Amino acid sequence: MSDDTGILSLDQAADALAPADDEPERDAQAEGSDDDPEIDREAPDSADSDPTNADADDTPAKPLGAKQDSVEPPTGWTAEDQAWFKTLPPDRQDIIVRRERDLRANESRRHNEHVAARQAVEAEAAAARTERQMLSHALKTYANPLLAEFERDFADLIQNQTDPRRIQEADPTRFQKLQAYEMEFNKLAAADQAIRAREAVESDALWQRYRSEENARLTAIVPELKDGHALRTFDREVTSYLREAGIPDNLIRNASATQLQIVRKAMLYDKAMAAKPAARPLPKVQRPGTAAGRGERVEEGRIAALRKLERSGSIDDAIGLLRA
């Protein structure tokens, strides 16, 4: 009940507000009733909304008979090989490209491993060489003052004015000093010999490793030499062939796989020419002038190539001598 002022009482205000509070509650109950279908309130996955992360099942399949994307041939192929590649079905092209990529990756890996191994060997050799140089320097640092002192104390012995026997008879104390010098010199000589022997062993080990690597490269270039007996036979034949051509043994010993491949071709060519029946000589025609004959020109070329080899000592110049 209200008075004449128009102001509602507390009970009247509560009754007036009650219907407005009940309507949202009824609406919420109506929306969540069992009669409505289930509502999925889970937030959508960001990966599902990203087209780049769509699953293979979500990707629409190409209709049958649709033309597939062309596959580019591997790089480095000749134009003829690329034309043949384009005639293949796409699935075959994919296989070839994948195999080519794997082969190049394996080749690159082997190359990197080879480079790393060679760098490790070179670093080890450099460290050993530095150590030997330090030891040799230490020996000289110790030996030089000792030698100067000996030359001062025994100048008469060095100038053959006396000998150890006379020194022993005339001055036993001085003779003992001479023996002490001799012992020190023997120690220095033994230390120097040990350094040289160690250097020879390390140098031989490095050469054996180098020769093994080059032989492996050679057998990869020339598969006919993969058999051990064939490789040993080739080694004997090519050594004899190069020696007959005047190539020094140190160049033969350190020849690379590429150089040996070239020498092998030259040796096989010479063998084939030697087995070829000799052609009937043509009648000689005297030409005017005094030009040198072909034999003289060939001999002059060989002499020039030999002189060049003697100056450089290069295996490439040795191969040039073979071709002269």
C-alpha atoms as a PDB file:
ATOM      1  CA  MET A   1       0.000   0.000   0.000  1.00  0.00           C
ATOM      2  CA  SER A   2       1.307   3.401  -0.854  1.00  0.00           C
ATOM      3  CA  ASP A   3       0.591   6.669   0.671  1.00  0.00           C
ATOM      4  CA  ASP A   4      -0.400   9.844  -1.126  1.00  0.00           C
ATOM      5  CA  THR A   5       3.234  10.730  -1.816  1.00  0.00           C
ATOM      6  CA  GLY A   6       3.516   7.950  -4.495  1.00  0.00           C
ATOM      7  CA  ILE A   7       6.522   6.254  -2.818  1.00  0.00           C
ATOM      8  CA  LEU A   8       6.365   2.390  -2.873  1.00  0.00           C
ATOM      9  CA  SER A   9       6.847   0.433   0.281  1.00  0.00           C
ATOM     10  CA  LEU A  10       9.611  -2.179   0.611  1.00  0.00           C
ATOM     11  CA  ASP A  11       7.198  -5.118  -0.006  1.00  0.00           C
ATOM     12  CA  GLN A  12       5.715  -3.445  -3.073  1.00  0.00           C
ATOM     13  CA  ALA A  13       9.166  -2.874  -4.560  1.00  0.00           C
ATOM     14  CA  ALA A  14      10.112  -6.526  -4.041  1.00  0.00           C
ATOM     15  CA  ASP A  15       6.897  -7.728  -5.715  1.00  0.00           C
ATOM     16  CA  ALA A  16       7.510  -5.406  -8.664  1.00  0.00           C
ATOM     17  CA  LEU A  17      11.056  -6.723  -9.251  1.00  0.00           C
ATOM     18  CA  ALA A  18      10.225 -10.441  -8.851  1.00  0.00           C
ATOM     19  CA  PRO A  19       8.929 -11.137 -12.447  1.00  0.00           C
ATOM     20  CA  ALA A  20      12.036  -9.501 -14.069  1.00  0.00           C
ATOM     21  CA  ASP A  21      14.417 -11.772 -12.081  1.00  0.00           C
ATOM     22  CA  ASP A  22      12.493 -14.958 -12.928  1.00  0.00           C
ATOM     23  CA  GLU A  23      12.438 -14.458 -16.727  1.00  0.00           C
ATOM     24  CA  PRO A  24      16.236 -14.897 -17.348  1.00  0.00           C
ATOM     25  CA  GLU A  25      16.229 -17.974 -15.146  1.00  0.00           C
ATOM     26  CA  ARG A  26      13.388 -19.509 -17.137  1.00  0.00           C
ATOM     27  CA  ASP A  27      15.119 -18.617 -20.399  1.00  0.00           C
ATOM     28  CA  ALA A  28      18.351 -20.313 -19.201  1.00  0.00           C
ATOM     29  CA  GLN A  29      16.417 -23.422 -18.205  1.00  0.00           C
ATOM     30  CA  ALA A  30      14.695 -23.487 -21.585  1.00  0.00           C
ATOM     31  CA  GLU A  31      18.049 -23.209 -23.403  1.00  0.00           C
ATOM     32  CA  GLY A  32      19.589 -26.037 -21.301  1.00  0.00           C
ATOM     33  CA  SER A  33      16.639 -28.408 -21.520  1.00  0.00           C
ATOM     34  CA  ASP A  34      17.157 -32.071 -22.521  1.00  0.00           C
ATOM     35  CA  ASP A  35      14.947 -31.633 -25.559  1.00  0.00           C
ATOM     36  CA  ASP A  36      17.541 -29.390 -27.332  1.00  0.00           C
ATOM     37  CA  PRO A  37      20.481 -30.993 -29.191  1.00  0.00           C
ATOM     38  CA  GLU A  38      23.896 -31.158 -27.391  1.00  0.00           C
ATOM     39  CA  ILE A  39      25.969 -28.010 -27.728  1.00  0.00           C
ATOM     40  CA  ASP A  40      29.771 -28.356 -28.188  1.00  0.00           C
ATOM     41  CA  ARG A  41      31.364 -25.620 -26.067  1.00  0.00           C
ATOM     42  CA  GLU A  42      34.947 -26.700 -26.674  1.00  0.00           C
ATOM     43  CA  ALA A  43      37.031 -23.937 -28.211  1.00  0.00           C
ATOM     44  CA  PRO A  44      38.190 -24.682 -31.753  1.00  0.00           C
ATOM     45  CA  ASP A  45      41.858 -25.754 -32.068  1.00  0.00           C
ATOM     46  CA  SER A  46      44.060 -23.099 -33.606  1.00  0.00           C
ATOM     47  CA  ALA A  47      45.797 -25.786 -35.674  1.00  0.00           C
ATOM     48  CA  ASP A  48      42.456 -26.772 -37.202  1.00  0.00           C
ATOM     49  CA  SER A  49      41.826 -23.216 -38.288  1.00  0.00           C
ATOM     50  CA  ASP A  50      45.298 -22.923 -39.884  1.00  0.00           C
ATOM     51  CA  PRO A  51      45.188 -24.256 -43.454  1.00  0.00           C
ATOM     52  CA  THR A  52      48.944 -24.982 -43.375  1.00  0.00           C
ATOM     53  CA  ASN A  53      48.483 -27.405 -40.459  1.00  0.00           C
ATOM     54  CA  ALA A  54      45.541 -29.253 -41.934  1.00  0.00           C
ATOM     55  CA  ASP A  55      45.746 -33.040 -41.770  1.00  0.00           C
ATOM     56  CA  ALA A  56      46.031 -35.125 -44.869  1.00  0.00           C
ATOM     57  CA  ASP A  57      42.509 -36.391 -44.270  1.00  0.00           C
ATOM     58  CA  ASP A  58      41.240 -32.796 -44.263  1.00  0.00           C
ATOM     59  CA  THR A  59      42.850 -32.022 -47.614  1.00  0.00           C
ATOM     60  CA  PRO A  60      40.430 -32.549 -50.448  1.00  0.00           C
ATOM     61  CA  ALA A  61      41.659 -35.305 -52.741  1.00  0.00           C
ATOM     62  CA  LYS A  62      42.280 -34.551 -56.368  1.00  0.00           C
ATOM     63  CA  PRO A  63      39.619 -35.946 -58.614  1.00  0.00           C
ATOM     64  CA  LEU A  64      40.545 -39.034 -60.579  1.00  0.00           C
ATOM     65  CA  GLY A  65      42.113 -38.249 -63.894  1.00  0.00           C
ATOM     66  CA  ALA A  66      43.284 -34.813 -62.757  1.00  0.00           C
ATOM     67  CA  LYS A  67      46.767 -33.802 -63.982  1.00  0.00           C
ATOM     68  CA  GLN A  68      49.383 -33.916 -61.220  1.00  0.00           C
ATOM     69  CA  ASP A  69      51.999 -31.199 -60.706  1.00  0.00           C
ATOM     70  CA  SER A  70      55.126 -31.656 -62.819  1.00  0.00           C
ATOM     71  CA  VAL A  71      58.366 -32.648 -61.076  1.00  0.00           C
ATOM     72  CA  GLU A  72      61.531 -30.778 -61.948  1.00  0.00           C
ATOM     73  CA  PRO A  73      64.469 -33.007 -63.002  1.00  0.00           C
ATOM     74  CA  PRO A  74      67.541 -33.096 -60.751  1.00  0.00           C
ATOM     75  CA  THR A  75      69.973 -30.251 -61.212  1.00  0.00           C
ATOM     76  CA  GLY A  76      73.103 -30.938 -63.185  1.00  0.00           C
ATOM     77  CA  TRP A  77      71.475 -33.318 -65.669  1.00  0.00           C
ATOM     78  CA  THR A  78      72.109 -32.868 -69.357  1.00  0.00           C
ATOM     79  CA  ALA A  79      69.350 -31.601 -71.650  1.00  0.00           C
ATOM     80  CA  GLU A  80      68.974 -35.097 -73.090  1.00  0.00           C
ATOM     81  CA  ASP A  81      68.565 -36.644 -69.627  1.00  0.00           C
ATOM     82  CA  GLN A  82      66.074 -33.951 -68.622  1.00  0.00           C
ATOM     83  CA  ALA A  83      63.994 -34.635 -71.744  1.00  0.00           C
ATOM     84  CA  TRP A  84      63.941 -38.352 -70.911  1.00  0.00           C
ATOM     85  CA  PHE A  85      62.994 -37.534 -67.299  1.00  0.00           C
ATOM     86  CA  LYS A  86      59.948 -35.566 -68.430  1.00  0.00           C
ATOM     87  CA  THR A  87      58.617 -38.597 -70.300  1.00  0.00           C
ATOM     88  CA  LEU A  88      58.336 -40.600 -67.055  1.00  0.00           C
ATOM     89  CA  PRO A  89      55.158 -40.845 -64.963  1.00  0.00           C
ATOM     90  CA  PRO A  90      55.062 -38.479 -61.953  1.00  0.00           C
ATOM     91  CA  ASP A  91      55.490 -41.308 -59.415  1.00  0.00           C
ATOM     92  CA  ARG A  92      58.654 -42.475 -61.172  1.00  0.00           C
ATOM     93  CA  GLN A  93      59.904 -38.897 -61.283  1.00  0.00           C
ATOM     94  CA  ASP A  94      59.362 -38.575 -57.531  1.00  0.00           C
ATOM     95  CA  ILE A  95      61.366 -41.743 -56.891  1.00  0.00           C
ATOM     96  CA  ILE A  96      64.270 -40.610 -59.069  1.00  0.00           C
ATOM     97  CA  VAL A  97      64.371 -37.137 -57.513  1.00  0.00           C
ATOM     98  CA  ARG A  98      64.286 -38.623 -54.010  1.00  0.00           C
ATOM     99  CA  ARG A  99      67.060 -41.110 -54.788  1.00  0.00           C
ATOM    100  CA  GLU A 100      69.161 -38.403 -56.432  1.00  0.00           C
ATOM    101  CA  ARG A 101      68.712 -36.183 -53.385  1.00  0.00           C
ATOM    102  CA  ASP A 102      69.712 -39.011 -51.038  1.00  0.00           C
ATOM    103  CA  LEU A 103      72.778 -39.866 -53.119  1.00  0.00           C
ATOM    104  CA  ARG A 104      73.942 -36.262 -53.143  1.00  0.00           C
ATOM    105  CA  ALA A 105      73.357 -35.957 -49.406  1.00  0.00           C
ATOM    106  CA  ASN A 106      75.395 -39.112 -48.772  1.00  0.00           C
ATOM    107  CA  GLU A 107      78.141 -37.887 -51.095  1.00  0.00           C
ATOM    108  CA  SER A 108      78.243 -34.547 -49.317  1.00  0.00           C
ATOM    109  CA  ARG A 109      78.362 -36.293 -45.937  1.00  0.00           C
ATOM    110  CA  ARG A 110      81.224 -38.554 -47.032  1.00  0.00           C
ATOM    111  CA  HIS A 111      83.079 -35.549 -48.437  1.00  0.00           C
ATOM    112  CA  ASN A 112      82.672 -33.644 -45.176  1.00  0.00           C
ATOM    113  CA  GLU A 113      83.833 -36.672 -43.180  1.00  0.00           C
ATOM    114  CA  HIS A 114      86.865 -37.014 -45.457  1.00  0.00           C
ATOM    115  CA  VAL A 115      87.713 -33.330 -45.087  1.00  0.00           C
ATOM    116  CA  ALA A 116      87.309 -33.512 -41.300  1.00  0.00           C
ATOM    117  CA  ALA A 117      89.484 -36.614 -41.068  1.00  0.00           C
ATOM    118  CA  ARG A 118      92.170 -35.068 -43.266  1.00  0.00           C
ATOM    119  CA  GLN A 119      92.128 -31.868 -41.207  1.00  0.00           C
ATOM    120  CA  ALA A 120      92.523 -33.919 -38.036  1.00  0.00           C
ATOM    121  CA  VAL A 121      95.480 -35.785 -39.529  1.00  0.00           C
ATOM    122  CA  GLU A 122      97.072 -32.556 -40.719  1.00  0.00           C
ATOM    123  CA  ALA A 123      96.569 -30.975 -37.290  1.00  0.00           C
ATOM    124  CA  GLU A 124      98.134 -34.006 -35.629  1.00  0.00           C
ATOM    125  CA  ALA A 125     101.066 -33.916 -38.025  1.00  0.00           C
ATOM    126  CA  ALA A 126     101.528 -30.185 -37.449  1.00  0.00           C
ATOM    127  CA  ALA A 127     101.551 -30.696 -33.672  1.00  0.00           C
ATOM    128  CA  ALA A 128     104.122 -33.482 -33.969  1.00  0.00           C
ATOM    129  CA  ARG A 129     106.257 -31.361 -36.290  1.00  0.00           C
ATOM    130  CA  THR A 130     106.128 -28.436 -33.851  1.00  0.00           C
ATOM    131  CA  GLU A 131     107.146 -30.712 -30.994  1.00  0.00           C
ATOM    132  CA  ARG A 132     110.103 -32.067 -32.955  1.00  0.00           C
ATOM    133  CA  GLN A 133     111.205 -28.560 -33.856  1.00  0.00           C
ATOM    134  CA  MET A 134     111.067 -27.538 -30.201  1.00  0.00           C
ATOM    135  CA  LEU A 135     113.126 -30.564 -29.156  1.00  0.00           C
ATOM    136  CA  SER A 136     115.647 -29.934 -31.913  1.00  0.00           C
ATOM    137  CA  HIS A 137     115.906 -26.281 -30.897  1.00  0.00           C
ATOM    138  CA  ALA A 138     116.411 -27.290 -27.267  1.00  0.00           C
ATOM    139  CA  LEU A 139     119.203 -29.660 -28.274  1.00  0.00           C
ATOM    140  CA  LYS A 140     120.943 -26.963 -30.287  1.00  0.00           C
ATOM    141  CA  THR A 141     120.515 -24.459 -27.456  1.00  0.00           C
ATOM    142  CA  TYR A 142     122.268 -26.866 -25.134  1.00  0.00           C
ATOM    143  CA  ALA A 143     124.800 -28.191 -27.648  1.00  0.00           C
ATOM    144  CA  ASN A 144     126.116 -24.890 -28.986  1.00  0.00           C
ATOM    145  CA  PRO A 145     127.552 -23.573 -25.677  1.00  0.00           C
ATOM    146  CA  LEU A 146     128.862 -27.037 -24.865  1.00  0.00           C
ATOM    147  CA  LEU A 147     130.586 -27.263 -28.239  1.00  0.00           C
ATOM    148  CA  ALA A 148     132.084 -23.778 -27.836  1.00  0.00           C
ATOM    149  CA  GLU A 149     133.405 -24.727 -24.410  1.00  0.00           C
ATOM    150  CA  PHE A 150     134.883 -27.939 -25.795  1.00  0.00           C
ATOM    151  CA  GLU A 151     136.582 -26.080 -28.642  1.00  0.00           C
ATOM    152  CA  ARG A 152     138.095 -23.699 -26.123  1.00  0.00           C
ATOM    153  CA  ASP A 153     139.322 -26.405 -23.706  1.00  0.00           C
ATOM    154  CA  PHE A 154     140.583 -28.836 -26.348  1.00  0.00           C
ATOM    155  CA  ALA A 155     141.725 -26.651 -29.212  1.00  0.00           C
ATOM    156  CA  ASP A 156     144.979 -28.614 -29.423  1.00  0.00           C
ATOM    157  CA  LEU A 157     143.050 -31.874 -29.849  1.00  0.00           C
ATOM    158  CA  ILE A 158     140.861 -30.385 -32.597  1.00  0.00           C
ATOM    159  CA  GLN A 159     143.943 -29.085 -34.432  1.00  0.00           C
ATOM    160  CA  ASN A 160     145.567 -32.543 -34.213  1.00  0.00           C
ATOM    161  CA  GLN A 161     148.364 -31.208 -31.984  1.00  0.00           C
ATOM    162  CA  THR A 162     147.720 -34.032 -29.544  1.00  0.00           C
ATOM    163  CA  ASP A 163     145.513 -37.106 -29.117  1.00  0.00           C
ATOM    164  CA  PRO A 164     143.474 -38.680 -26.303  1.00  0.00           C
ATOM    165  CA  ARG A 165     146.248 -41.123 -25.375  1.00  0.00           C
ATOM    166  CA  ARG A 166     148.786 -38.367 -24.863  1.00  0.00           C
ATOM    167  CA  ILE A 167     146.267 -36.351 -22.858  1.00  0.00           C
ATOM    168  CA  GLN A 168     145.653 -39.381 -20.618  1.00  0.00           C
ATOM    169  CA  GLU A 169     149.376 -39.868 -20.001  1.00  0.00           C
ATOM    170  CA  ALA A 170     150.178 -36.200 -19.477  1.00  0.00           C
ATOM    171  CA  ASP A 171     147.090 -34.997 -17.560  1.00  0.00           C
ATOM    172  CA  PRO A 172     144.637 -37.675 -16.232  1.00  0.00           C
ATOM    173  CA  THR A 173     142.322 -34.974 -14.859  1.00  0.00           C
ATOM    174  CA  ARG A 174     142.039 -33.336 -18.265  1.00  0.00           C
ATOM    175  CA  PHE A 175     141.457 -36.732 -19.797  1.00  0.00           C
ATOM    176  CA  GLN A 176     138.491 -37.310 -17.454  1.00  0.00           C
ATOM    177  CA  LYS A 177     137.083 -33.970 -18.596  1.00  0.00           C
ATOM    178  CA  LEU A 178     137.488 -35.124 -22.193  1.00  0.00           C
ATOM    179  CA  GLN A 179     135.541 -38.290 -21.387  1.00  0.00           C
ATOM    180  CA  ALA A 180     132.783 -36.210 -19.799  1.00  0.00           C
ATOM    181  CA  TYR A 181     132.512 -34.139 -22.981  1.00  0.00           C
ATOM    182  CA  GLU A 182     132.365 -37.347 -25.022  1.00  0.00           C
ATOM    183  CA  MET A 183     129.481 -38.679 -22.905  1.00  0.00           C
ATOM    184  CA  GLU A 184     127.519 -35.460 -23.335  1.00  0.00           C
ATOM    185  CA  PHE A 185     128.063 -35.464 -27.086  1.00  0.00           C
ATOM    186  CA  ASN A 186     126.911 -39.085 -27.290  1.00  0.00           C
ATOM    187  CA  LYS A 187     123.712 -38.175 -25.406  1.00  0.00           C
ATOM    188  CA  LEU A 188     123.048 -35.301 -27.804  1.00  0.00           C
ATOM    189  CA  ALA A 189     123.645 -37.540 -30.819  1.00  0.00           C
ATOM    190  CA  ALA A 190     121.299 -40.219 -29.426  1.00  0.00           C
ATOM    191  CA  ALA A 191     118.573 -37.627 -28.765  1.00  0.00           C
ATOM    192  CA  ASP A 192     118.925 -36.181 -32.263  1.00  0.00           C
ATOM    193  CA  GLN A 193     118.795 -39.676 -33.764  1.00  0.00           C
ATOM    194  CA  ALA A 194     115.644 -40.460 -31.768  1.00  0.00           C
ATOM    195  CA  ILE A 195     113.979 -37.283 -33.077  1.00  0.00           C
ATOM    196  CA  ARG A 196     114.869 -38.180 -36.650  1.00  0.00           C
ATOM    197  CA  ALA A 197     113.647 -41.757 -36.222  1.00  0.00           C
ATOM    198  CA  ARG A 198     110.338 -40.522 -34.804  1.00  0.00           C
ATOM    199  CA  GLU A 199     109.994 -38.108 -37.710  1.00  0.00           C
ATOM    200  CA  ALA A 200     110.604 -40.951 -40.179  1.00  0.00           C
ATOM    201  CA  VAL A 201     107.972 -43.146 -38.503  1.00  0.00           C
ATOM    202  CA  GLU A 202     105.368 -40.364 -38.498  1.00  0.00           C
ATOM    203  CA  SER A 203     106.158 -39.442 -42.093  1.00  0.00           C
ATOM    204  CA  ASP A 204     105.774 -43.046 -43.180  1.00  0.00           C
ATOM    205  CA  ALA A 205     102.459 -43.343 -41.335  1.00  0.00           C
ATOM    206  CA  LEU A 206     101.167 -40.209 -43.064  1.00  0.00           C
ATOM    207  CA  TRP A 207     102.296 -41.529 -46.438  1.00  0.00           C
ATOM    208  CA  GLN A 208     100.618 -44.897 -45.822  1.00  0.00           C
ATOM    209  CA  ARG A 209      97.375 -43.107 -45.010  1.00  0.00           C
ATOM    210  CA  TYR A 210      97.691 -40.895 -48.081  1.00  0.00           C
ATOM    211  CA  ARG A 211      98.470 -43.882 -50.330  1.00  0.00           C
ATOM    212  CA  SER A 212      95.493 -45.827 -48.942  1.00  0.00           C
ATOM    213  CA  GLU A 213      93.131 -42.898 -49.599  1.00  0.00           C
ATOM    214  CA  GLU A 214      94.445 -42.372 -53.130  1.00  0.00           C
ATOM    215  CA  ASN A 215      94.211 -46.092 -53.912  1.00  0.00           C
ATOM    216  CA  ALA A 216      90.594 -46.056 -52.735  1.00  0.00           C
ATOM    217  CA  ARG A 217      89.908 -43.090 -55.018  1.00  0.00           C
ATOM    218  CA  LEU A 218      91.667 -44.861 -57.893  1.00  0.00           C
ATOM    219  CA  THR A 219      89.571 -48.011 -57.534  1.00  0.00           C
ATOM    220  CA  ALA A 220      86.439 -45.848 -57.449  1.00  0.00           C
ATOM    221  CA  ILE A 221      87.507 -44.155 -60.705  1.00  0.00           C
ATOM    222  CA  VAL A 222      88.701 -47.413 -62.314  1.00  0.00           C
ATOM    223  CA  PRO A 223      86.470 -50.245 -61.023  1.00  0.00           C
ATOM    224  CA  GLU A 224      88.621 -52.845 -62.820  1.00  0.00           C
ATOM    225  CA  LEU A 225      91.298 -52.286 -60.155  1.00  0.00           C
ATOM    226  CA  LYS A 226      89.088 -53.110 -57.154  1.00  0.00           C
ATOM    227  CA  ASP A 227      90.464 -56.633 -57.146  1.00  0.00           C
ATOM    228  CA  GLY A 228      93.605 -56.751 -55.008  1.00  0.00           C
ATOM    229  CA  HIS A 229      95.563 -58.803 -57.528  1.00  0.00           C
ATOM    230  CA  ALA A 230      94.653 -56.407 -60.365  1.00  0.00           C
ATOM    231  CA  LEU A 231      95.740 -53.403 -58.268  1.00  0.00           C
ATOM    232  CA  ARG A 232      99.099 -54.980 -57.416  1.00  0.00           C
ATOM    233  CA  THR A 233      99.679 -55.882 -61.059  1.00  0.00           C
ATOM    234  CA  PHE A 234      98.848 -52.324 -62.096  1.00  0.00           C
ATOM    235  CA  ASP A 235     101.236 -50.977 -59.451  1.00  0.00           C
ATOM    236  CA  ARG A 236     104.118 -53.044 -60.858  1.00  0.00           C
ATOM    237  CA  GLU A 237     103.322 -52.196 -64.465  1.00  0.00           C
ATOM    238  CA  VAL A 238     102.833 -48.478 -63.954  1.00  0.00           C
ATOM    239  CA  THR A 239     106.006 -48.226 -61.848  1.00  0.00           C
ATOM    240  CA  SER A 240     108.036 -49.921 -64.587  1.00  0.00           C
ATOM    241  CA  TYR A 241     106.334 -47.803 -67.257  1.00  0.00           C
ATOM    242  CA  LEU A 242     107.123 -44.517 -65.503  1.00  0.00           C
ATOM    243  CA  ARG A 243     110.697 -45.527 -64.691  1.00  0.00           C
ATOM    244  CA  GLU A 244     111.328 -46.343 -68.345  1.00  0.00           C
ATOM    245  CA  ALA A 245     110.060 -42.851 -69.164  1.00  0.00           C
ATOM    246  CA  GLY A 246     112.600 -41.351 -66.738  1.00  0.00           C
ATOM    247  CA  ILE A 247     110.177 -40.372 -63.957  1.00  0.00           C
ATOM    248  CA  PRO A 248     111.882 -40.202 -60.519  1.00  0.00           C
ATOM    249  CA  ASP A 249     110.756 -42.712 -57.887  1.00  0.00           C
ATOM    250  CA  ASN A 250     109.657 -40.025 -55.420  1.00  0.00           C
ATOM    251  CA  LEU A 251     107.150 -38.670 -57.963  1.00  0.00           C
ATOM    252  CA  ILE A 252     105.903 -42.176 -58.752  1.00  0.00           C
ATOM    253  CA  ARG A 253     105.489 -42.910 -55.047  1.00  0.00           C
ATOM    254  CA  ASN A 254     103.412 -39.783 -54.407  1.00  0.00           C
ATOM    255  CA  ALA A 255     101.266 -39.840 -57.554  1.00  0.00           C
ATOM    256  CA  SER A 256      97.606 -39.059 -56.941  1.00  0.00           C
ATOM    257  CA  ALA A 257      94.661 -41.138 -58.125  1.00  0.00           C
ATOM    258  CA  THR A 258      93.876 -38.686 -60.932  1.00  0.00           C
ATOM    259  CA  GLN A 259      97.472 -38.717 -62.141  1.00  0.00           C
ATOM    260  CA  LEU A 260      97.596 -42.525 -62.058  1.00  0.00           C
ATOM    261  CA  GLN A 261      94.388 -42.664 -64.076  1.00  0.00           C
ATOM    262  CA  ILE A 262      95.979 -40.504 -66.788  1.00  0.00           C
ATOM    263  CA  VAL A 263      99.155 -42.600 -66.750  1.00  0.00           C
ATOM    264  CA  ARG A 264      97.063 -45.788 -67.039  1.00  0.00           C
ATOM    265  CA  LYS A 265      95.366 -44.467 -70.166  1.00  0.00           C
ATOM    266  CA  ALA A 266      98.730 -43.561 -71.683  1.00  0.00           C
ATOM    267  CA  MET A 267     100.152 -46.995 -70.810  1.00  0.00           C
ATOM    268  CA  LEU A 268      97.180 -48.846 -72.315  1.00  0.00           C
ATOM    269  CA  TYR A 269      97.401 -46.704 -75.428  1.00  0.00           C
ATOM    270  CA  ASP A 270     101.085 -47.492 -75.840  1.00  0.00           C
ATOM    271  CA  LYS A 271     100.381 -51.203 -75.386  1.00  0.00           C
ATOM    272  CA  ALA A 272      97.630 -51.095 -78.007  1.00  0.00           C
ATOM    273  CA  MET A 273      99.880 -49.253 -80.453  1.00  0.00           C
ATOM    274  CA  ALA A 274     102.700 -51.732 -79.853  1.00  0.00           C
ATOM    275  CA  ALA A 275     100.360 -54.658 -80.581  1.00  0.00           C
ATOM    276  CA  LYS A 276      99.032 -53.018 -83.746  1.00  0.00           C
ATOM    277  CA  PRO A 277     100.573 -54.346 -86.966  1.00  0.00           C
ATOM    278  CA  ALA A 278     103.068 -51.978 -88.467  1.00  0.00           C
ATOM    279  CA  ALA A 279     101.721 -50.062 -91.456  1.00  0.00           C
ATOM    280  CA  ARG A 280     103.593 -50.208 -94.729  1.00  0.00           C
ATOM    281  CA  PRO A 281     105.800 -47.142 -94.983  1.00  0.00           C
ATOM    282  CA  LEU A 282     104.827 -44.590 -97.598  1.00  0.00           C
ATOM    283  CA  PRO A 283     107.447 -43.404-100.038  1.00  0.00           C
ATOM    284  CA  LYS A 284     109.266 -40.359 -98.795  1.00  0.00           C
ATOM    285  CA  VAL A 285     108.808 -37.169-100.759  1.00  0.00           C
ATOM    286  CA  GLN A 286     111.648 -34.736-100.651  1.00  0.00           C
ATOM    287  CA  ARG A 287     110.338 -31.281 -99.962  1.00  0.00           C
ATOM    288  CA  PRO A 288     112.289 -28.131-100.646  1.00  0.00           C
ATOM    289  CA  GLY A 289     113.971 -26.531 -97.699  1.00  0.00           C
ATOM    290  CA  THR A 290     115.788 -27.889 -94.652  1.00  0.00           C
ATOM    291  CA  ALA A 291     112.862 -28.365 -92.237  1.00  0.00           C
ATOM    292  CA  ALA A 292     113.444 -30.893 -89.472  1.00  0.00           C
ATOM    293  CA  GLY A 293     111.765 -34.279 -89.776  1.00  0.00           C
ATOM    294  CA  ARG A 294     108.992 -35.457 -87.525  1.00  0.00           C
ATOM    295  CA  GLY A 295     111.347 -37.684 -85.560  1.00  0.00           C
ATOM    296  CA  GLU A 296     113.633 -34.749 -84.833  1.00  0.00           C
ATOM    297  CA  ARG A 297     110.726 -32.588 -83.711  1.00  0.00           C
ATOM    298  CA  VAL A 298     109.467 -35.342 -81.391  1.00  0.00           C
ATOM    299  CA  GLU A 299     112.917 -35.773 -79.889  1.00  0.00           C
ATOM    300  CA  GLU A 300     113.252 -32.023 -79.348  1.00  0.00           C
ATOM    301  CA  GLY A 301     109.859 -31.979 -77.621  1.00  0.00           C
ATOM    302  CA  ARG A 302     110.874 -34.833 -75.304  1.00  0.00           C
ATOM    303  CA  ILE A 303     114.130 -33.086 -74.412  1.00  0.00           C
ATOM    304  CA  ALA A 304     112.258 -29.858 -73.582  1.00  0.00           C
ATOM    305  CA  ALA A 305     109.719 -31.772 -71.475  1.00  0.00           C
ATOM    306  CA  LEU A 306     112.523 -33.608 -69.637  1.00  0.00           C
ATOM    307  CA  ARG A 307     114.300 -30.342 -68.844  1.00  0.00           C
ATOM    308  CA  LYS A 308     111.044 -28.872 -67.563  1.00  0.00           C
ATOM    309  CA  LEU A 309     110.551 -31.929 -65.324  1.00  0.00           C
ATOM    310  CA  GLU A 310     114.090 -31.619 -63.947  1.00  0.00           C
ATOM    311  CA  ARG A 311     113.407 -27.989 -62.993  1.00  0.00           C
ATOM    312  CA  SER A 312     109.966 -28.478 -61.406  1.00  0.00           C
ATOM    313  CA  GLY A 313     109.915 -32.082 -60.183  1.00  0.00           C
ATOM    314  CA  SER A 314     106.130 -32.050 -60.727  1.00  0.00           C
ATOM    315  CA  ILE A 315     104.159 -35.189 -61.531  1.00  0.00           C
ATOM    316  CA  ASP A 316     102.131 -33.143 -64.038  1.00  0.00           C
ATOM    317  CA  ASP A 317     105.329 -32.345 -65.930  1.00  0.00           C
ATOM    318  CA  ALA A 318     106.193 -36.044 -65.712  1.00  0.00           C
ATOM    319  CA  ILE A 319     102.895 -36.867 -67.416  1.00  0.00           C
ATOM    320  CA  GLY A 320     103.697 -34.195 -70.000  1.00  0.00           C
ATOM    321  CA  LEU A 321     106.957 -36.012 -70.694  1.00  0.00           C
ATOM    322  CA  LEU A 322     105.004 -39.211 -71.318  1.00  0.00           C
ATOM    323  CA  ARG A 323     102.776 -37.444 -73.823  1.00  0.00           C
ATOM    324  CA  ALA A 324     105.668 -35.729 -75.613  1.00  0.00           C
END
